[in-house]
Amino acid sequence: MKHQWPIGQIDALIVSGGDDIHPSLYGEEEMPKAQYDPMRDALEQMHIAWALEHQLPMLGICRGTQLINVSLGGSLHSDIRGRRKMTSNRGTVLPRKTAALRAKSALGQVVKASRLRINSLHHQAIDDLGENVRVVARDLDGFVQGIEPAGQGLWLGVQWHPEYLFYRTHHLRLFKWLVQQCRQTAQGA
């Protein structure tokens, strides 16, 4: 797949939510009734690889976080609905769930919180971690809600949808972080 636009001109990358990631990318079988978009998977994996190679700031949101993990060799739970015990499977853009953030994580420092009220629109979730990925947030059922590089890297990944919660300061800080990283990267160039 060739780039249709000059990827070298981007300053940052947001990998957003959407259809399920095709299970063939992490060694699983298709789920009945699931919606897949293999062309989008391939395009976004190419962009993720570019951002990582060129140390561009990157923010993964829901599916985007899952795809960053898969792109780095990790896997997913294809469907977590039967595994939930403490939280509901009902999807909502409202902040009805809680994520506990790891102390001293980059994500915790960005949002300036150790606990966040979050929303949930997913039924896939990170299972095995990819290379150089560490978990920095979990929900009450223990599912991964936030990841970041275990070493060097300018990216963050959240399982929830902060774009629906921008009216809450903690969530808005994710986007401010991304803009700030762009400015710092541009000044260093």
N, C-alpha and C. Protein backbone atom coordinates (compact mmCIF):
# COMPACT_ATOMS: atom_id res chain seq x y z
N MET A 1 0.85 -1.18 0.00
CA MET A 1 0.00 0.00 0.00
C MET A 1 0.89 1.24 0.00
N LYS A 2 0.65 2.11 -0.96
CA LYS A 2 1.43 3.35 -1.04
C LYS A 2 0.67 4.47 -0.35
N HIS A 3 1.43 5.42 0.17
CA HIS A 3 0.83 6.61 0.76
C HIS A 3 0.23 7.46 -0.34
N GLN A 4 -0.97 7.95 -0.13
CA GLN A 4 -1.64 8.82 -1.09
C GLN A 4 -1.39 10.29 -0.79
N TRP A 5 -0.70 10.58 0.29
CA TRP A 5 -0.42 11.95 0.68
C TRP A 5 0.96 11.96 1.34
N PRO A 6 1.58 13.10 1.45
CA PRO A 6 2.96 13.15 1.97
C PRO A 6 3.01 12.95 3.49
N ILE A 7 3.17 11.71 3.92
CA ILE A 7 3.18 11.39 5.35
C ILE A 7 4.30 12.13 6.08
N GLY A 8 5.36 12.45 5.38
CA GLY A 8 6.47 13.16 6.00
C GLY A 8 6.12 14.56 6.48
N GLN A 9 4.93 15.05 6.13
CA GLN A 9 4.52 16.39 6.53
C GLN A 9 3.68 16.41 7.81
N ILE A 10 3.41 15.24 8.39
CA ILE A 10 2.59 15.26 9.61
C ILE A 10 3.48 15.53 10.83
N ASP A 11 2.88 16.16 11.83
CA ASP A 11 3.60 16.48 13.06
C ASP A 11 3.28 15.51 14.19
N ALA A 12 2.14 14.82 14.08
CA ALA A 12 1.72 13.88 15.12
C ALA A 12 0.68 12.96 14.51
N LEU A 13 0.34 11.93 15.25
CA LEU A 13 -0.63 10.95 14.77
C LEU A 13 -1.61 10.62 15.88
N ILE A 14 -2.89 10.69 15.55
CA ILE A 14 -3.94 10.16 16.41
C ILE A 14 -4.50 8.95 15.70
N VAL A 15 -4.47 7.80 16.37
CA VAL A 15 -5.05 6.58 15.83
C VAL A 15 -6.35 6.38 16.60
N SER A 16 -7.46 6.57 15.91
CA SER A 16 -8.76 6.68 16.58
C SER A 16 -9.50 5.36 16.70
N GLY A 17 -10.71 5.45 17.25
CA GLY A 17 -11.58 4.29 17.41
C GLY A 17 -12.24 3.90 16.11
N GLY A 18 -12.98 2.79 16.15
CA GLY A 18 -13.68 2.32 14.95
C GLY A 18 -13.94 0.83 15.01
N ASP A 19 -13.99 0.22 13.83
CA ASP A 19 -14.27 -1.22 13.72
C ASP A 19 -13.23 -2.05 14.46
N ASP A 20 -13.59 -3.31 14.68
CA ASP A 20 -12.67 -4.24 15.34
C ASP A 20 -11.42 -4.45 14.48
N ILE A 21 -10.33 -4.74 15.15
CA ILE A 21 -9.08 -5.08 14.46
C ILE A 21 -9.19 -6.53 14.01
N HIS A 22 -8.80 -6.78 12.77
CA HIS A 22 -8.94 -8.14 12.24
C HIS A 22 -8.11 -9.11 13.07
N PRO A 23 -8.71 -10.20 13.55
CA PRO A 23 -8.01 -11.13 14.43
C PRO A 23 -6.81 -11.84 13.81
N SER A 24 -6.73 -11.86 12.49
CA SER A 24 -5.57 -12.49 11.86
C SER A 24 -4.28 -11.76 12.21
N LEU A 25 -4.38 -10.50 12.62
CA LEU A 25 -3.20 -9.72 12.97
C LEU A 25 -2.60 -10.15 14.31
N TYR A 26 -3.35 -10.90 15.10
CA TYR A 26 -2.83 -11.39 16.38
C TYR A 26 -3.14 -12.88 16.59
N GLY A 27 -3.32 -13.60 15.48
CA GLY A 27 -3.40 -15.05 15.53
C GLY A 27 -4.70 -15.65 16.01
N GLU A 28 -5.81 -14.94 15.83
CA GLU A 28 -7.13 -15.45 16.26
C GLU A 28 -8.05 -15.58 15.05
N GLU A 29 -9.22 -16.16 15.30
CA GLU A 29 -10.23 -16.35 14.27
C GLU A 29 -11.25 -15.21 14.30
N GLU A 30 -11.93 -14.99 13.16
CA GLU A 30 -12.96 -13.97 13.09
C GLU A 30 -14.11 -14.30 14.03
N MET A 31 -14.71 -13.26 14.57
CA MET A 31 -15.89 -13.39 15.43
C MET A 31 -17.14 -13.21 14.57
N PRO A 32 -18.18 -14.00 14.83
CA PRO A 32 -19.43 -13.79 14.08
C PRO A 32 -19.98 -12.39 14.36
N LYS A 33 -20.52 -11.77 13.35
CA LYS A 33 -21.17 -10.46 13.43
C LYS A 33 -20.22 -9.30 13.70
N ALA A 34 -18.93 -9.53 13.79
CA ALA A 34 -17.97 -8.44 14.02
C ALA A 34 -17.77 -7.65 12.72
N GLN A 35 -17.46 -6.36 12.87
CA GLN A 35 -17.19 -5.49 11.73
C GLN A 35 -15.68 -5.29 11.62
N TYR A 36 -15.10 -5.66 10.48
CA TYR A 36 -13.66 -5.53 10.26
C TYR A 36 -13.40 -4.65 9.05
N ASP A 37 -12.25 -4.01 9.04
CA ASP A 37 -11.81 -3.19 7.91
C ASP A 37 -10.31 -3.43 7.72
N PRO A 38 -9.95 -4.55 7.06
CA PRO A 38 -8.52 -4.89 6.90
C PRO A 38 -7.71 -3.82 6.18
N MET A 39 -8.32 -3.08 5.25
CA MET A 39 -7.57 -2.03 4.56
C MET A 39 -7.22 -0.90 5.53
N ARG A 40 -8.13 -0.56 6.41
CA ARG A 40 -7.84 0.46 7.43
C ARG A 40 -6.76 -0.05 8.38
N ASP A 41 -6.86 -1.33 8.78
CA ASP A 41 -5.83 -1.91 9.65
C ASP A 41 -4.45 -1.73 9.02
N ALA A 42 -4.34 -2.08 7.74
CA ALA A 42 -3.04 -2.00 7.05
C ALA A 42 -2.54 -0.56 6.95
N LEU A 43 -3.44 0.36 6.58
CA LEU A 43 -3.05 1.76 6.46
C LEU A 43 -2.58 2.32 7.80
N GLU A 44 -3.34 2.05 8.85
CA GLU A 44 -2.97 2.59 10.16
C GLU A 44 -1.72 1.92 10.71
N GLN A 45 -1.50 0.65 10.43
CA GLN A 45 -0.25 0.02 10.87
C GLN A 45 0.95 0.67 10.19
N MET A 46 0.77 1.05 8.93
CA MET A 46 1.84 1.74 8.22
C MET A 46 2.13 3.09 8.87
N HIS A 47 1.09 3.80 9.26
CA HIS A 47 1.26 5.10 9.91
C HIS A 47 1.87 4.95 11.30
N ILE A 48 1.46 3.94 12.03
CA ILE A 48 2.04 3.69 13.36
C ILE A 48 3.52 3.40 13.23
N ALA A 49 3.88 2.55 12.27
CA ALA A 49 5.31 2.23 12.06
C ALA A 49 6.09 3.50 11.72
N TRP A 50 5.52 4.37 10.88
CA TRP A 50 6.18 5.62 10.51
C TRP A 50 6.38 6.51 11.74
N ALA A 51 5.32 6.66 12.54
CA ALA A 51 5.41 7.51 13.73
C ALA A 51 6.45 6.97 14.71
N LEU A 52 6.48 5.67 14.91
CA LEU A 52 7.47 5.09 15.83
C LEU A 52 8.89 5.26 15.30
N GLU A 53 9.07 5.01 14.01
CA GLU A 53 10.41 5.12 13.41
C GLU A 53 10.93 6.55 13.46
N HIS A 54 10.04 7.52 13.28
CA HIS A 54 10.46 8.93 13.23
C HIS A 54 10.22 9.67 14.54
N GLN A 55 9.89 8.93 15.60
CA GLN A 55 9.69 9.51 16.94
C GLN A 55 8.67 10.65 16.93
N LEU A 56 7.58 10.46 16.18
CA LEU A 56 6.51 11.45 16.16
C LEU A 56 5.59 11.21 17.35
N PRO A 57 5.06 12.26 17.94
CA PRO A 57 4.08 12.09 19.01
C PRO A 57 2.85 11.35 18.47
N MET A 58 2.32 10.43 19.28
CA MET A 58 1.19 9.62 18.83
C MET A 58 0.25 9.38 20.01
N LEU A 59 -1.04 9.45 19.74
CA LEU A 59 -2.07 9.16 20.73
C LEU A 59 -3.00 8.10 20.16
N GLY A 60 -3.10 6.97 20.85
CA GLY A 60 -4.04 5.93 20.49
C GLY A 60 -5.31 6.09 21.30
N ILE A 61 -6.44 5.96 20.63
CA ILE A 61 -7.74 6.05 21.28
C ILE A 61 -8.51 4.77 20.96
N CYS A 62 -8.90 4.04 21.99
CA CYS A 62 -9.69 2.82 21.90
C CYS A 62 -9.06 1.85 20.87
N ARG A 63 -9.66 1.68 19.71
CA ARG A 63 -9.13 0.80 18.68
C ARG A 63 -7.69 1.15 18.34
N GLY A 64 -7.38 2.45 18.35
CA GLY A 64 -6.02 2.90 18.05
C GLY A 64 -5.02 2.39 19.06
N THR A 65 -5.39 2.36 20.33
CA THR A 65 -4.51 1.81 21.37
C THR A 65 -4.30 0.33 21.15
N GLN A 66 -5.38 -0.37 20.83
CA GLN A 66 -5.29 -1.80 20.56
C GLN A 66 -4.37 -2.06 19.35
N LEU A 67 -4.50 -1.23 18.31
CA LEU A 67 -3.70 -1.44 17.10
C LEU A 67 -2.23 -1.11 17.34
N ILE A 68 -1.93 -0.13 18.16
CA ILE A 68 -0.53 0.15 18.52
C ILE A 68 0.05 -1.09 19.19
N ASN A 69 -0.69 -1.65 20.14
CA ASN A 69 -0.22 -2.85 20.85
C ASN A 69 -0.02 -4.02 19.88
N VAL A 70 -0.98 -4.26 19.00
CA VAL A 70 -0.87 -5.36 18.02
C VAL A 70 0.30 -5.09 17.07
N SER A 71 0.48 -3.84 16.65
CA SER A 71 1.57 -3.49 15.74
C SER A 71 2.94 -3.75 16.38
N LEU A 72 2.99 -3.73 17.69
CA LEU A 72 4.24 -3.99 18.41
C LEU A 72 4.34 -5.45 18.87
N GLY A 73 3.49 -6.31 18.30
CA GLY A 73 3.58 -7.75 18.57
C GLY A 73 2.66 -8.28 19.64
N GLY A 74 1.77 -7.45 20.16
CA GLY A 74 0.85 -7.89 21.21
C GLY A 74 -0.40 -8.53 20.65
N SER A 75 -1.29 -8.92 21.55
CA SER A 75 -2.54 -9.56 21.14
C SER A 75 -3.71 -8.92 21.88
N LEU A 76 -4.91 -9.33 21.47
CA LEU A 76 -6.14 -8.81 22.04
C LEU A 76 -7.04 -9.93 22.51
N HIS A 77 -7.91 -9.61 23.45
CA HIS A 77 -9.08 -10.44 23.72
C HIS A 77 -10.07 -10.05 22.63
N SER A 78 -10.53 -10.99 21.84
CA SER A 78 -11.46 -10.66 20.75
C SER A 78 -12.80 -10.17 21.26
N ASP A 79 -13.20 -10.64 22.44
CA ASP A 79 -14.48 -10.22 23.01
C ASP A 79 -14.42 -10.38 24.53
N ILE A 80 -14.48 -9.27 25.24
CA ILE A 80 -14.37 -9.32 26.70
C ILE A 80 -15.71 -9.37 27.41
N ARG A 81 -16.80 -9.32 26.67
CA ARG A 81 -18.11 -9.22 27.30
C ARG A 81 -18.36 -10.32 28.33
N GLY A 82 -17.98 -11.55 28.05
CA GLY A 82 -18.18 -12.64 29.00
C GLY A 82 -17.20 -12.64 30.16
N ARG A 83 -16.17 -11.83 30.08
CA ARG A 83 -15.13 -11.78 31.12
C ARG A 83 -15.36 -10.67 32.15
N ARG A 84 -16.31 -9.79 31.89
CA ARG A 84 -16.58 -8.69 32.84
C ARG A 84 -17.30 -9.24 34.06
N LYS A 85 -16.87 -8.80 35.23
CA LYS A 85 -17.49 -9.20 36.49
C LYS A 85 -17.93 -7.99 37.32
N MET A 86 -17.14 -6.93 37.29
CA MET A 86 -17.38 -5.75 38.14
C MET A 86 -18.00 -4.58 37.38
N THR A 87 -17.91 -4.60 36.07
CA THR A 87 -18.41 -3.47 35.28
C THR A 87 -19.36 -3.96 34.19
N SER A 88 -20.13 -3.04 33.68
CA SER A 88 -21.15 -3.34 32.68
C SER A 88 -20.53 -3.45 31.28
N ASN A 89 -21.19 -4.20 30.42
CA ASN A 89 -20.81 -4.27 29.01
C ASN A 89 -21.50 -3.20 28.18
N ARG A 90 -22.36 -2.45 28.80
CA ARG A 90 -23.11 -1.44 28.05
C ARG A 90 -22.17 -0.31 27.60
N GLY A 91 -22.14 -0.06 26.31
CA GLY A 91 -21.31 1.01 25.77
C GLY A 91 -21.96 2.36 25.97
N THR A 92 -21.15 3.33 26.34
CA THR A 92 -21.66 4.69 26.53
C THR A 92 -20.53 5.70 26.39
N VAL A 93 -20.87 6.88 25.87
CA VAL A 93 -19.88 7.95 25.79
C VAL A 93 -19.77 8.69 27.11
N LEU A 94 -20.67 8.40 28.04
CA LEU A 94 -20.64 9.06 29.35
C LEU A 94 -19.62 8.39 30.25
N PRO A 95 -19.01 9.12 31.17
CA PRO A 95 -17.97 8.57 32.05
C PRO A 95 -18.58 7.74 33.18
N ARG A 96 -18.88 6.47 32.90
CA ARG A 96 -19.55 5.59 33.85
C ARG A 96 -18.64 4.52 34.44
N LYS A 97 -17.39 4.47 34.02
CA LYS A 97 -16.44 3.48 34.54
C LYS A 97 -15.26 4.22 35.17
N THR A 98 -14.46 3.47 35.91
CA THR A 98 -13.30 4.05 36.58
C THR A 98 -12.03 3.36 36.10
N ALA A 99 -11.01 4.14 35.84
CA ALA A 99 -9.68 3.61 35.53
C ALA A 99 -8.73 4.05 36.64
N ALA A 100 -7.94 3.11 37.13
CA ALA A 100 -6.89 3.41 38.10
C ALA A 100 -5.58 3.50 37.32
N LEU A 101 -4.86 4.62 37.51
CA LEU A 101 -3.61 4.86 36.77
C LEU A 101 -2.41 4.57 37.64
N ARG A 102 -1.38 4.01 37.04
CA ARG A 102 -0.14 3.69 37.74
C ARG A 102 0.55 4.98 38.19
N ALA A 103 0.99 4.97 39.43
CA ALA A 103 1.72 6.12 39.96
C ALA A 103 2.99 6.34 39.14
N LYS A 104 3.32 7.57 38.92
CA LYS A 104 4.53 7.98 38.21
C LYS A 104 4.56 7.56 36.74
N SER A 105 3.42 7.22 36.18
CA SER A 105 3.37 6.91 34.74
C SER A 105 3.29 8.23 33.96
N ALA A 106 3.72 8.19 32.72
CA ALA A 106 3.60 9.38 31.87
C ALA A 106 2.12 9.75 31.70
N LEU A 107 1.27 8.75 31.53
CA LEU A 107 -0.16 9.01 31.38
C LEU A 107 -0.72 9.70 32.61
N GLY A 108 -0.38 9.20 33.79
CA GLY A 108 -0.85 9.81 35.04
C GLY A 108 -0.36 11.24 35.18
N GLN A 109 0.88 11.49 34.76
CA GLN A 109 1.42 12.85 34.84
C GLN A 109 0.73 13.78 33.85
N VAL A 110 0.38 13.26 32.68
CA VAL A 110 -0.29 14.08 31.68
C VAL A 110 -1.69 14.48 32.14
N VAL A 111 -2.47 13.49 32.61
CA VAL A 111 -3.85 13.79 33.01
C VAL A 111 -3.94 14.33 34.44
N LYS A 112 -2.83 14.24 35.18
CA LYS A 112 -2.76 14.74 36.56
C LYS A 112 -3.82 14.08 37.45
N ALA A 113 -3.86 12.73 37.38
CA ALA A 113 -4.83 11.98 38.19
C ALA A 113 -4.33 10.56 38.41
N SER A 114 -4.79 9.96 39.50
CA SER A 114 -4.49 8.55 39.74
C SER A 114 -5.73 7.69 39.50
N ARG A 115 -6.89 8.32 39.43
CA ARG A 115 -8.15 7.65 39.08
C ARG A 115 -8.92 8.58 38.16
N LEU A 116 -9.56 7.99 37.17
CA LEU A 116 -10.35 8.77 36.22
C LEU A 116 -11.69 8.10 35.98
N ARG A 117 -12.71 8.90 35.83
CA ARG A 117 -13.98 8.39 35.33
C ARG A 117 -13.86 8.38 33.81
N ILE A 118 -14.15 7.23 33.20
CA ILE A 118 -13.97 7.05 31.76
C ILE A 118 -15.24 6.49 31.14
N ASN A 119 -15.29 6.56 29.81
CA ASN A 119 -16.38 5.96 29.07
C ASN A 119 -15.90 4.65 28.44
N SER A 120 -16.80 3.96 27.77
CA SER A 120 -16.44 2.66 27.21
C SER A 120 -17.33 2.35 26.03
N LEU A 121 -16.71 2.08 24.87
CA LEU A 121 -17.45 1.72 23.66
C LEU A 121 -16.85 0.48 23.00
N HIS A 122 -16.10 -0.31 23.73
CA HIS A 122 -15.35 -1.41 23.11
C HIS A 122 -15.77 -2.76 23.66
N HIS A 123 -15.46 -3.81 22.89
CA HIS A 123 -15.60 -5.17 23.40
C HIS A 123 -14.33 -5.97 23.15
N GLN A 124 -13.36 -5.38 22.46
CA GLN A 124 -12.02 -5.97 22.36
C GLN A 124 -11.16 -5.26 23.39
N ALA A 125 -10.10 -5.93 23.85
CA ALA A 125 -9.19 -5.31 24.82
C ALA A 125 -7.82 -5.96 24.70
N ILE A 126 -6.82 -5.24 25.15
CA ILE A 126 -5.45 -5.76 25.10
C ILE A 126 -5.33 -7.00 25.99
N ASP A 127 -4.67 -8.01 25.45
CA ASP A 127 -4.37 -9.24 26.20
C ASP A 127 -2.87 -9.25 26.46
N ASP A 128 -2.08 -9.86 25.57
CA ASP A 128 -0.62 -9.85 25.73
C ASP A 128 -0.06 -8.52 25.24
N LEU A 129 0.92 -8.02 25.97
CA LEU A 129 1.52 -6.73 25.60
C LEU A 129 2.51 -6.90 24.46
N GLY A 130 2.58 -5.87 23.63
CA GLY A 130 3.57 -5.82 22.58
C GLY A 130 4.93 -5.46 23.15
N GLU A 131 5.93 -5.48 22.29
CA GLU A 131 7.30 -5.16 22.70
C GLU A 131 7.39 -3.69 23.10
N ASN A 132 8.04 -3.43 24.23
CA ASN A 132 8.26 -2.07 24.74
C ASN A 132 6.94 -1.38 25.13
N VAL A 133 5.95 -2.16 25.55
CA VAL A 133 4.66 -1.61 25.98
C VAL A 133 4.46 -1.96 27.45
N ARG A 134 4.01 -0.98 28.22
CA ARG A 134 3.67 -1.26 29.61
C ARG A 134 2.26 -0.75 29.92
N VAL A 135 1.60 -1.48 30.79
CA VAL A 135 0.25 -1.11 31.22
C VAL A 135 0.37 -0.04 32.29
N VAL A 136 -0.40 1.03 32.14
CA VAL A 136 -0.38 2.11 33.13
C VAL A 136 -1.76 2.46 33.66
N ALA A 137 -2.80 1.78 33.17
CA ALA A 137 -4.15 2.00 33.69
C ALA A 137 -4.99 0.76 33.47
N ARG A 138 -5.82 0.45 34.46
CA ARG A 138 -6.75 -0.68 34.38
C ARG A 138 -8.10 -0.27 34.94
N ASP A 139 -9.15 -0.98 34.50
CA ASP A 139 -10.48 -0.74 35.06
C ASP A 139 -10.72 -1.71 36.21
N LEU A 140 -11.92 -1.69 36.77
CA LEU A 140 -12.23 -2.52 37.94
C LEU A 140 -12.19 -4.02 37.64
N ASP A 141 -12.35 -4.40 36.38
CA ASP A 141 -12.25 -5.81 35.99
C ASP A 141 -10.82 -6.21 35.64
N GLY A 142 -9.90 -5.26 35.73
CA GLY A 142 -8.50 -5.55 35.43
C GLY A 142 -8.13 -5.41 33.97
N PHE A 143 -9.07 -5.00 33.12
CA PHE A 143 -8.75 -4.83 31.71
C PHE A 143 -7.89 -3.58 31.51
N VAL A 144 -6.99 -3.69 30.56
CA VAL A 144 -6.07 -2.59 30.26
C VAL A 144 -6.86 -1.38 29.75
N GLN A 145 -6.60 -0.23 30.36
CA GLN A 145 -7.24 1.02 29.95
C GLN A 145 -6.22 2.07 29.48
N GLY A 146 -4.95 1.84 29.74
CA GLY A 146 -3.93 2.78 29.30
C GLY A 146 -2.59 2.08 29.13
N ILE A 147 -1.87 2.45 28.06
CA ILE A 147 -0.53 1.92 27.81
C ILE A 147 0.39 3.07 27.42
N GLU A 148 1.68 2.79 27.55
CA GLU A 148 2.71 3.74 27.14
C GLU A 148 4.00 2.96 26.89
N PRO A 149 5.01 3.59 26.32
CA PRO A 149 6.27 2.89 26.08
C PRO A 149 6.94 2.50 27.40
N ALA A 150 7.51 1.31 27.42
CA ALA A 150 8.28 0.87 28.59
C ALA A 150 9.65 1.54 28.60
N GLY A 151 10.09 2.05 27.46
CA GLY A 151 11.36 2.75 27.35
C GLY A 151 11.14 4.08 26.65
N GLN A 152 11.94 4.32 25.62
CA GLN A 152 11.83 5.58 24.87
C GLN A 152 10.60 5.55 23.97
N GLY A 153 9.99 6.69 23.80
CA GLY A 153 8.85 6.80 22.90
C GLY A 153 8.00 8.00 23.24
N LEU A 154 7.33 8.53 22.24
CA LEU A 154 6.48 9.72 22.42
C LEU A 154 5.03 9.37 22.14
N TRP A 155 4.53 8.33 22.77
CA TRP A 155 3.15 7.97 22.52
C TRP A 155 2.44 7.55 23.81
N LEU A 156 1.13 7.70 23.78
CA LEU A 156 0.25 7.24 24.84
C LEU A 156 -0.93 6.55 24.19
N GLY A 157 -1.50 5.58 24.89
CA GLY A 157 -2.69 4.91 24.40
C GLY A 157 -3.72 4.76 25.50
N VAL A 158 -4.96 5.14 25.19
CA VAL A 158 -6.06 5.00 26.15
C VAL A 158 -7.17 4.19 25.51
N GLN A 159 -7.79 3.32 26.30
CA GLN A 159 -8.85 2.46 25.80
C GLN A 159 -10.18 3.20 25.68
N TRP A 160 -10.32 4.29 26.41
CA TRP A 160 -11.57 5.04 26.38
C TRP A 160 -11.53 6.10 25.28
N HIS A 161 -12.59 6.92 25.23
CA HIS A 161 -12.73 7.95 24.20
C HIS A 161 -12.69 9.34 24.82
N PRO A 162 -11.49 9.91 24.99
CA PRO A 162 -11.40 11.25 25.59
C PRO A 162 -11.99 12.35 24.73
N GLU A 163 -12.15 12.10 23.43
CA GLU A 163 -12.72 13.12 22.56
C GLU A 163 -14.18 13.41 22.91
N TYR A 164 -14.85 12.46 23.57
CA TYR A 164 -16.22 12.70 24.03
C TYR A 164 -16.24 13.34 25.42
N LEU A 165 -15.09 13.43 26.06
CA LEU A 165 -15.00 13.95 27.43
C LEU A 165 -14.12 15.20 27.52
N PHE A 166 -13.94 15.89 26.39
CA PHE A 166 -13.05 17.05 26.36
C PHE A 166 -13.48 18.15 27.33
N TYR A 167 -14.75 18.13 27.74
CA TYR A 167 -15.25 19.11 28.70
C TYR A 167 -14.73 18.82 30.12
N ARG A 168 -14.07 17.69 30.30
CA ARG A 168 -13.45 17.35 31.59
C ARG A 168 -11.95 17.58 31.46
N THR A 169 -11.40 18.40 32.31
CA THR A 169 -10.02 18.85 32.21
C THR A 169 -9.02 17.72 32.07
N HIS A 170 -9.18 16.65 32.84
CA HIS A 170 -8.21 15.55 32.79
C HIS A 170 -8.11 14.96 31.39
N HIS A 171 -9.24 14.82 30.71
CA HIS A 171 -9.25 14.22 29.37
C HIS A 171 -8.74 15.20 28.32
N LEU A 172 -9.07 16.45 28.48
CA LEU A 172 -8.58 17.48 27.55
C LEU A 172 -7.05 17.54 27.58
N ARG A 173 -6.47 17.25 28.72
CA ARG A 173 -5.00 17.30 28.85
C ARG A 173 -4.30 16.33 27.90
N LEU A 174 -4.94 15.25 27.50
CA LEU A 174 -4.33 14.33 26.53
C LEU A 174 -4.07 15.03 25.20
N PHE A 175 -5.03 15.82 24.76
CA PHE A 175 -4.88 16.53 23.49
C PHE A 175 -3.90 17.69 23.62
N LYS A 176 -3.92 18.34 24.77
CA LYS A 176 -2.94 19.40 25.01
C LYS A 176 -1.52 18.83 25.04
N TRP A 177 -1.37 17.63 25.62
CA TRP A 177 -0.07 16.96 25.63
C TRP A 177 0.41 16.72 24.20
N LEU A 178 -0.48 16.23 23.35
CA LEU A 178 -0.10 15.93 21.96
C LEU A 178 0.35 17.20 21.24
N VAL A 179 -0.38 18.29 21.42
CA VAL A 179 0.00 19.57 20.79
C VAL A 179 1.35 20.05 21.34
N GLN A 180 1.53 19.94 22.65
CA GLN A 180 2.80 20.36 23.26
C GLN A 180 3.96 19.53 22.73
N GLN A 181 3.75 18.23 22.56
CA GLN A 181 4.81 17.38 22.02
C GLN A 181 5.16 17.79 20.59
N CYS A 182 4.15 18.17 19.81
CA CYS A 182 4.40 18.64 18.44
C CYS A 182 5.26 19.90 18.46
N ARG A 183 4.92 20.81 19.34
CA ARG A 183 5.69 22.07 19.44
C ARG A 183 7.13 21.79 19.85
N GLN A 184 7.33 20.92 20.82
CA GLN A 184 8.68 20.62 21.27
C GLN A 184 9.48 19.90 20.19
N THR A 185 8.82 19.00 19.47
CA THR A 185 9.49 18.29 18.38
C THR A 185 9.88 19.26 17.28
N ALA A 186 8.99 20.19 16.94
CA ALA A 186 9.27 21.19 15.90
C ALA A 186 10.42 22.11 16.31
N GLN A 187 10.48 22.49 17.58
CA GLN A 187 11.54 23.37 18.05
C GLN A 187 12.90 22.67 18.05
N GLY A 188 12.86 21.34 18.27
CA GLY A 188 14.10 20.58 18.29
C GLY A 188 14.63 20.26 16.91
N ALA A 189 13.79 20.44 15.88
CA ALA A 189 14.19 20.10 14.51
C ALA A 189 15.07 21.14 13.89
